Amino acid sequence: MKDKITVYQKPTCTTCRDLDKILRESGAEYEKIDYYLEPIGRDKLRALLEKMGMKPHDLLRTREPIYKDLGLAEKDLSDDEIIDLMAEYPDLIQRPIVERGAKAVLARPAEIVRTLLT
């Protein structure tokens, strides 16, 4: 597989650092995107969710302070509303997300990325 590998991450995240180590050791070439500096737009979030076969709620970080501050647990949000919130508040996005061609994975745990390396 020669498709470009893109990692959407937060550099201070332990799982993201573990993933980085796995990718370096595998010899794979990849691009890292700090989605706090380069936000993931709504359309890209939709595309990544589709590639991962996930619903927006599955990608939502529910233990983040912003989740509680916005009272999201008490709201019945549509998929579009969740995507809008994740685009506006990157802390709400589970990480790291690894994309390669037509596939993507939420690399939690980081070892899941190996499914994209073969």
N, C-alpha and C. Protein backbone atom coordinates (compact mmCIF):
# COMPACT_ATOMS: atom_id res chain seq x y z
N MET A 1 0.85 -1.18 0.00
CA MET A 1 0.00 0.00 0.00
C MET A 1 0.90 1.24 0.00
N LYS A 2 0.69 2.10 -0.98
CA LYS A 2 1.57 3.26 -1.09
C LYS A 2 0.86 4.57 -0.79
N ASP A 3 -0.38 4.50 -0.34
CA ASP A 3 -1.10 5.72 -0.03
C ASP A 3 -0.42 6.47 1.11
N LYS A 4 -0.52 7.77 1.03
CA LYS A 4 0.05 8.63 2.07
C LYS A 4 -0.65 8.39 3.41
N ILE A 5 0.12 8.40 4.47
CA ILE A 5 -0.43 8.25 5.81
C ILE A 5 -0.46 9.63 6.45
N THR A 6 -1.63 9.99 6.99
CA THR A 6 -1.79 11.26 7.69
C THR A 6 -2.27 10.96 9.10
N VAL A 7 -1.60 11.56 10.08
CA VAL A 7 -1.96 11.39 11.48
C VAL A 7 -2.49 12.71 12.01
N TYR A 8 -3.73 12.68 12.49
CA TYR A 8 -4.33 13.86 13.13
C TYR A 8 -4.15 13.67 14.62
N GLN A 9 -3.44 14.59 15.25
CA GLN A 9 -2.99 14.36 16.62
C GLN A 9 -2.90 15.64 17.43
N LYS A 10 -2.65 15.41 18.71
CA LYS A 10 -2.26 16.46 19.65
C LYS A 10 -0.89 16.02 20.17
N PRO A 11 0.18 16.77 19.88
CA PRO A 11 1.54 16.32 20.20
C PRO A 11 1.78 15.95 21.67
N THR A 12 1.03 16.53 22.59
CA THR A 12 1.25 16.23 24.00
C THR A 12 0.50 14.98 24.47
N CYS A 13 -0.27 14.37 23.61
CA CYS A 13 -1.07 13.19 23.93
C CYS A 13 -0.17 11.95 23.99
N THR A 14 -0.27 11.19 25.06
CA THR A 14 0.56 9.99 25.24
C THR A 14 0.29 8.97 24.14
N THR A 15 -0.96 8.72 23.81
CA THR A 15 -1.28 7.75 22.76
C THR A 15 -0.72 8.22 21.42
N CYS A 16 -0.75 9.52 21.16
CA CYS A 16 -0.19 10.06 19.92
C CYS A 16 1.32 9.83 19.86
N ARG A 17 1.99 9.99 20.99
CA ARG A 17 3.43 9.74 21.03
C ARG A 17 3.72 8.25 20.84
N ASP A 18 2.90 7.38 21.42
CA ASP A 18 3.06 5.94 21.21
C ASP A 18 2.88 5.59 19.74
N LEU A 19 1.89 6.18 19.12
CA LEU A 19 1.64 5.96 17.69
C LEU A 19 2.82 6.41 16.86
N ASP A 20 3.36 7.57 17.17
CA ASP A 20 4.52 8.10 16.46
C ASP A 20 5.68 7.11 16.51
N LYS A 21 5.90 6.52 17.66
CA LYS A 21 6.98 5.54 17.82
C LYS A 21 6.73 4.31 16.94
N ILE A 22 5.52 3.81 16.93
CA ILE A 22 5.18 2.64 16.10
C ILE A 22 5.42 2.95 14.63
N LEU A 23 4.97 4.11 14.18
CA LEU A 23 5.14 4.47 12.77
C LEU A 23 6.61 4.66 12.41
N ARG A 24 7.37 5.30 13.29
CA ARG A 24 8.81 5.47 13.02
C ARG A 24 9.50 4.12 12.93
N GLU A 25 9.20 3.23 13.88
CA GLU A 25 9.82 1.90 13.89
C GLU A 25 9.43 1.07 12.67
N SER A 26 8.25 1.31 12.13
CA SER A 26 7.79 0.55 10.95
C SER A 26 8.46 1.04 9.67
N GLY A 27 9.05 2.23 9.73
CA GLY A 27 9.67 2.81 8.54
C GLY A 27 8.68 3.52 7.63
N ALA A 28 7.44 3.61 8.05
CA ALA A 28 6.41 4.26 7.23
C ALA A 28 6.66 5.77 7.17
N GLU A 29 6.40 6.32 5.99
CA GLU A 29 6.44 7.78 5.85
C GLU A 29 5.05 8.31 6.16
N TYR A 30 4.99 9.38 6.92
CA TYR A 30 3.69 9.91 7.31
C TYR A 30 3.81 11.40 7.61
N GLU A 31 2.65 12.03 7.56
CA GLU A 31 2.54 13.45 7.88
C GLU A 31 1.74 13.57 9.17
N LYS A 32 2.23 14.41 10.07
CA LYS A 32 1.52 14.66 11.32
C LYS A 32 0.84 16.02 11.23
N ILE A 33 -0.42 16.05 11.61
CA ILE A 33 -1.17 17.30 11.65
C ILE A 33 -1.66 17.52 13.07
N ASP A 34 -1.20 18.61 13.66
CA ASP A 34 -1.68 19.02 14.98
C ASP A 34 -3.00 19.73 14.73
N TYR A 35 -4.10 19.04 15.01
CA TYR A 35 -5.39 19.62 14.66
C TYR A 35 -5.83 20.76 15.58
N TYR A 36 -4.98 21.12 16.52
CA TYR A 36 -5.22 22.34 17.30
C TYR A 36 -4.67 23.54 16.53
N LEU A 37 -3.62 23.32 15.75
CA LEU A 37 -3.04 24.39 14.93
C LEU A 37 -3.66 24.44 13.54
N GLU A 38 -4.02 23.26 13.02
CA GLU A 38 -4.67 23.14 11.71
C GLU A 38 -5.99 22.39 11.93
N PRO A 39 -7.03 23.10 12.30
CA PRO A 39 -8.30 22.44 12.64
C PRO A 39 -8.83 21.55 11.52
N ILE A 40 -9.49 20.48 11.95
CA ILE A 40 -10.15 19.57 11.00
C ILE A 40 -11.53 20.17 10.72
N GLY A 41 -11.78 20.47 9.48
CA GLY A 41 -13.06 21.06 9.10
C GLY A 41 -14.20 20.04 9.13
N ARG A 42 -15.39 20.55 9.03
CA ARG A 42 -16.59 19.69 9.09
C ARG A 42 -16.58 18.62 8.01
N ASP A 43 -16.28 19.02 6.77
CA ASP A 43 -16.30 18.05 5.67
C ASP A 43 -15.24 16.97 5.87
N LYS A 44 -14.08 17.36 6.35
CA LYS A 44 -13.02 16.37 6.59
C LYS A 44 -13.41 15.45 7.74
N LEU A 45 -14.01 15.99 8.79
CA LEU A 45 -14.48 15.15 9.89
C LEU A 45 -15.49 14.12 9.39
N ARG A 46 -16.42 14.56 8.55
CA ARG A 46 -17.41 13.63 7.98
C ARG A 46 -16.72 12.53 7.18
N ALA A 47 -15.74 12.92 6.37
CA ALA A 47 -15.02 11.94 5.54
C ALA A 47 -14.25 10.95 6.41
N LEU A 48 -13.59 11.44 7.45
CA LEU A 48 -12.84 10.56 8.35
C LEU A 48 -13.78 9.60 9.08
N LEU A 49 -14.90 10.10 9.55
CA LEU A 49 -15.88 9.24 10.22
C LEU A 49 -16.36 8.14 9.29
N GLU A 50 -16.63 8.50 8.05
CA GLU A 50 -17.09 7.50 7.07
C GLU A 50 -16.00 6.45 6.84
N LYS A 51 -14.76 6.88 6.69
CA LYS A 51 -13.65 5.94 6.47
C LYS A 51 -13.44 5.03 7.67
N MET A 52 -13.73 5.54 8.87
CA MET A 52 -13.57 4.74 10.09
C MET A 52 -14.80 3.89 10.39
N GLY A 53 -15.90 4.18 9.69
CA GLY A 53 -17.15 3.47 9.96
C GLY A 53 -17.71 3.81 11.33
N MET A 54 -17.54 5.05 11.73
CA MET A 54 -17.97 5.50 13.06
C MET A 54 -19.06 6.56 12.95
N LYS A 55 -19.85 6.65 14.00
CA LYS A 55 -20.81 7.73 14.16
C LYS A 55 -20.11 8.86 14.91
N PRO A 56 -20.52 10.10 14.71
CA PRO A 56 -19.88 11.22 15.40
C PRO A 56 -19.82 11.04 16.92
N HIS A 57 -20.88 10.51 17.51
CA HIS A 57 -20.88 10.33 18.96
C HIS A 57 -19.74 9.41 19.42
N ASP A 58 -19.36 8.43 18.57
CA ASP A 58 -18.28 7.48 18.91
C ASP A 58 -16.92 8.17 18.97
N LEU A 59 -16.79 9.30 18.31
CA LEU A 59 -15.52 10.03 18.25
C LEU A 59 -15.44 11.15 19.29
N LEU A 60 -16.50 11.32 20.04
CA LEU A 60 -16.62 12.41 21.00
C LEU A 60 -15.90 12.08 22.30
N ARG A 61 -15.04 12.99 22.74
CA ARG A 61 -14.34 12.85 24.03
C ARG A 61 -15.25 13.40 25.12
N THR A 62 -15.79 12.50 25.92
CA THR A 62 -16.78 12.91 26.91
C THR A 62 -16.17 13.26 28.26
N ARG A 63 -14.88 13.05 28.42
CA ARG A 63 -14.24 13.36 29.71
C ARG A 63 -13.54 14.71 29.72
N GLU A 64 -13.65 15.44 28.64
CA GLU A 64 -13.01 16.75 28.56
C GLU A 64 -13.85 17.80 29.28
N PRO A 65 -13.20 18.77 29.92
CA PRO A 65 -13.95 19.85 30.59
C PRO A 65 -14.94 20.56 29.68
N ILE A 66 -14.59 20.77 28.41
CA ILE A 66 -15.50 21.48 27.50
C ILE A 66 -16.80 20.70 27.30
N TYR A 67 -16.72 19.38 27.33
CA TYR A 67 -17.92 18.54 27.20
C TYR A 67 -18.88 18.85 28.35
N LYS A 68 -18.31 18.92 29.54
CA LYS A 68 -19.14 19.22 30.73
C LYS A 68 -19.58 20.68 30.72
N ASP A 69 -18.67 21.60 30.36
CA ASP A 69 -18.99 23.03 30.34
C ASP A 69 -20.15 23.34 29.39
N LEU A 70 -20.20 22.63 28.27
CA LEU A 70 -21.26 22.86 27.28
C LEU A 70 -22.53 22.08 27.61
N GLY A 71 -22.47 21.25 28.66
CA GLY A 71 -23.64 20.48 29.06
C GLY A 71 -24.07 19.46 28.02
N LEU A 72 -23.11 18.89 27.31
CA LEU A 72 -23.44 18.00 26.20
C LEU A 72 -24.09 16.68 26.63
N ALA A 73 -23.81 16.24 27.85
CA ALA A 73 -24.41 14.99 28.32
C ALA A 73 -25.93 15.12 28.44
N GLU A 74 -26.41 16.32 28.66
CA GLU A 74 -27.84 16.55 28.84
C GLU A 74 -28.55 16.86 27.54
N LYS A 75 -27.83 16.92 26.44
CA LYS A 75 -28.42 17.32 25.16
C LYS A 75 -28.53 16.12 24.23
N ASP A 76 -29.59 16.12 23.44
CA ASP A 76 -29.78 15.09 22.42
C ASP A 76 -29.36 15.72 21.09
N LEU A 77 -28.09 15.56 20.76
CA LEU A 77 -27.52 16.23 19.58
C LEU A 77 -27.59 15.36 18.34
N SER A 78 -27.81 16.00 17.21
CA SER A 78 -27.77 15.30 15.93
C SER A 78 -26.32 15.07 15.53
N ASP A 79 -26.10 14.19 14.56
CA ASP A 79 -24.75 13.96 14.06
C ASP A 79 -24.11 15.25 13.57
N ASP A 80 -24.88 16.05 12.84
CA ASP A 80 -24.36 17.33 12.32
C ASP A 80 -23.97 18.28 13.45
N GLU A 81 -24.77 18.31 14.49
CA GLU A 81 -24.45 19.18 15.63
C GLU A 81 -23.17 18.73 16.33
N ILE A 82 -22.99 17.42 16.46
CA ILE A 82 -21.77 16.91 17.08
C ILE A 82 -20.55 17.25 16.22
N ILE A 83 -20.66 17.08 14.93
CA ILE A 83 -19.57 17.41 14.02
C ILE A 83 -19.24 18.90 14.11
N ASP A 84 -20.27 19.74 14.13
CA ASP A 84 -20.05 21.19 14.26
C ASP A 84 -19.30 21.51 15.55
N LEU A 85 -19.69 20.87 16.65
CA LEU A 85 -19.02 21.11 17.93
C LEU A 85 -17.57 20.63 17.90
N MET A 86 -17.31 19.47 17.30
CA MET A 86 -15.94 18.97 17.22
C MET A 86 -15.08 19.88 16.34
N ALA A 87 -15.65 20.43 15.29
CA ALA A 87 -14.90 21.35 14.43
C ALA A 87 -14.56 22.63 15.20
N GLU A 88 -15.48 23.07 16.05
CA GLU A 88 -15.26 24.30 16.82
C GLU A 88 -14.37 24.07 18.04
N TYR A 89 -14.50 22.90 18.68
CA TYR A 89 -13.77 22.59 19.91
C TYR A 89 -12.96 21.30 19.72
N PRO A 90 -11.72 21.40 19.27
CA PRO A 90 -10.90 20.21 18.99
C PRO A 90 -10.73 19.27 20.18
N ASP A 91 -10.86 19.78 21.41
CA ASP A 91 -10.76 18.91 22.58
C ASP A 91 -11.82 17.82 22.58
N LEU A 92 -12.87 18.00 21.82
CA LEU A 92 -13.95 17.01 21.78
C LEU A 92 -13.66 15.83 20.86
N ILE A 93 -12.55 15.88 20.12
CA ILE A 93 -12.23 14.82 19.15
C ILE A 93 -11.29 13.79 19.77
N GLN A 94 -11.70 12.52 19.71
CA GLN A 94 -10.81 11.43 20.13
C GLN A 94 -9.58 11.44 19.21
N ARG A 95 -8.47 11.00 19.74
CA ARG A 95 -7.23 11.01 18.97
C ARG A 95 -6.34 9.84 19.38
N PRO A 96 -5.40 9.54 18.54
CA PRO A 96 -5.09 10.04 17.20
C PRO A 96 -5.94 9.34 16.14
N ILE A 97 -6.16 10.05 15.06
CA ILE A 97 -6.84 9.49 13.89
C ILE A 97 -5.77 9.32 12.81
N VAL A 98 -5.74 8.15 12.21
CA VAL A 98 -4.76 7.87 11.16
C VAL A 98 -5.52 7.56 9.88
N GLU A 99 -5.17 8.25 8.82
CA GLU A 99 -5.83 8.09 7.53
C GLU A 99 -4.82 7.59 6.50
N ARG A 100 -5.26 6.60 5.73
CA ARG A 100 -4.43 6.10 4.63
C ARG A 100 -5.35 5.69 3.50
N GLY A 101 -5.33 6.47 2.44
CA GLY A 101 -6.19 6.19 1.29
C GLY A 101 -7.66 6.20 1.67
N ALA A 102 -8.35 5.11 1.36
CA ALA A 102 -9.79 5.00 1.61
C ALA A 102 -10.10 4.52 3.02
N LYS A 103 -9.08 4.34 3.85
CA LYS A 103 -9.29 3.83 5.19
C LYS A 103 -8.78 4.82 6.24
N ALA A 104 -9.34 4.69 7.42
CA ALA A 104 -8.87 5.48 8.57
C ALA A 104 -9.21 4.69 9.83
N VAL A 105 -8.42 4.93 10.88
CA VAL A 105 -8.67 4.30 12.17
C VAL A 105 -8.49 5.32 13.28
N LEU A 106 -9.24 5.10 14.34
CA LEU A 106 -8.97 5.80 15.59
C LEU A 106 -7.97 4.92 16.31
N ALA A 107 -6.74 5.38 16.41
CA ALA A 107 -5.65 4.55 16.92
C ALA A 107 -5.61 4.56 18.45
N ARG A 108 -6.65 4.02 19.04
CA ARG A 108 -6.75 3.85 20.49
C ARG A 108 -7.10 2.41 20.75
N PRO A 109 -6.16 1.59 21.13
CA PRO A 109 -4.76 1.88 21.42
C PRO A 109 -3.97 2.09 20.12
N ALA A 110 -2.78 2.62 20.28
CA ALA A 110 -1.95 3.00 19.14
C ALA A 110 -1.66 1.83 18.21
N GLU A 111 -1.59 0.60 18.74
CA GLU A 111 -1.25 -0.58 17.94
C GLU A 111 -2.25 -0.84 16.81
N ILE A 112 -3.45 -0.29 16.92
CA ILE A 112 -4.45 -0.48 15.89
C ILE A 112 -3.95 0.02 14.54
N VAL A 113 -3.00 0.95 14.56
CA VAL A 113 -2.50 1.52 13.30
C VAL A 113 -1.86 0.43 12.43
N ARG A 114 -1.42 -0.65 13.03
CA ARG A 114 -0.78 -1.73 12.25
C ARG A 114 -1.72 -2.27 11.17
N THR A 115 -3.04 -2.14 11.35
CA THR A 115 -3.99 -2.61 10.35
C THR A 115 -3.87 -1.80 9.06
N LEU A 116 -3.34 -0.60 9.14
CA LEU A 116 -3.17 0.24 7.95
C LEU A 116 -1.77 0.09 7.34
N LEU A 117 -0.90 -0.63 7.99
CA LEU A 117 0.49 -0.72 7.52
C LEU A 117 0.75 -1.91 6.60
N THR A 118 -0.22 -2.81 6.48
CA THR A 118 0.00 -4.00 5.65
C THR A 118 -0.53 -3.82 4.26
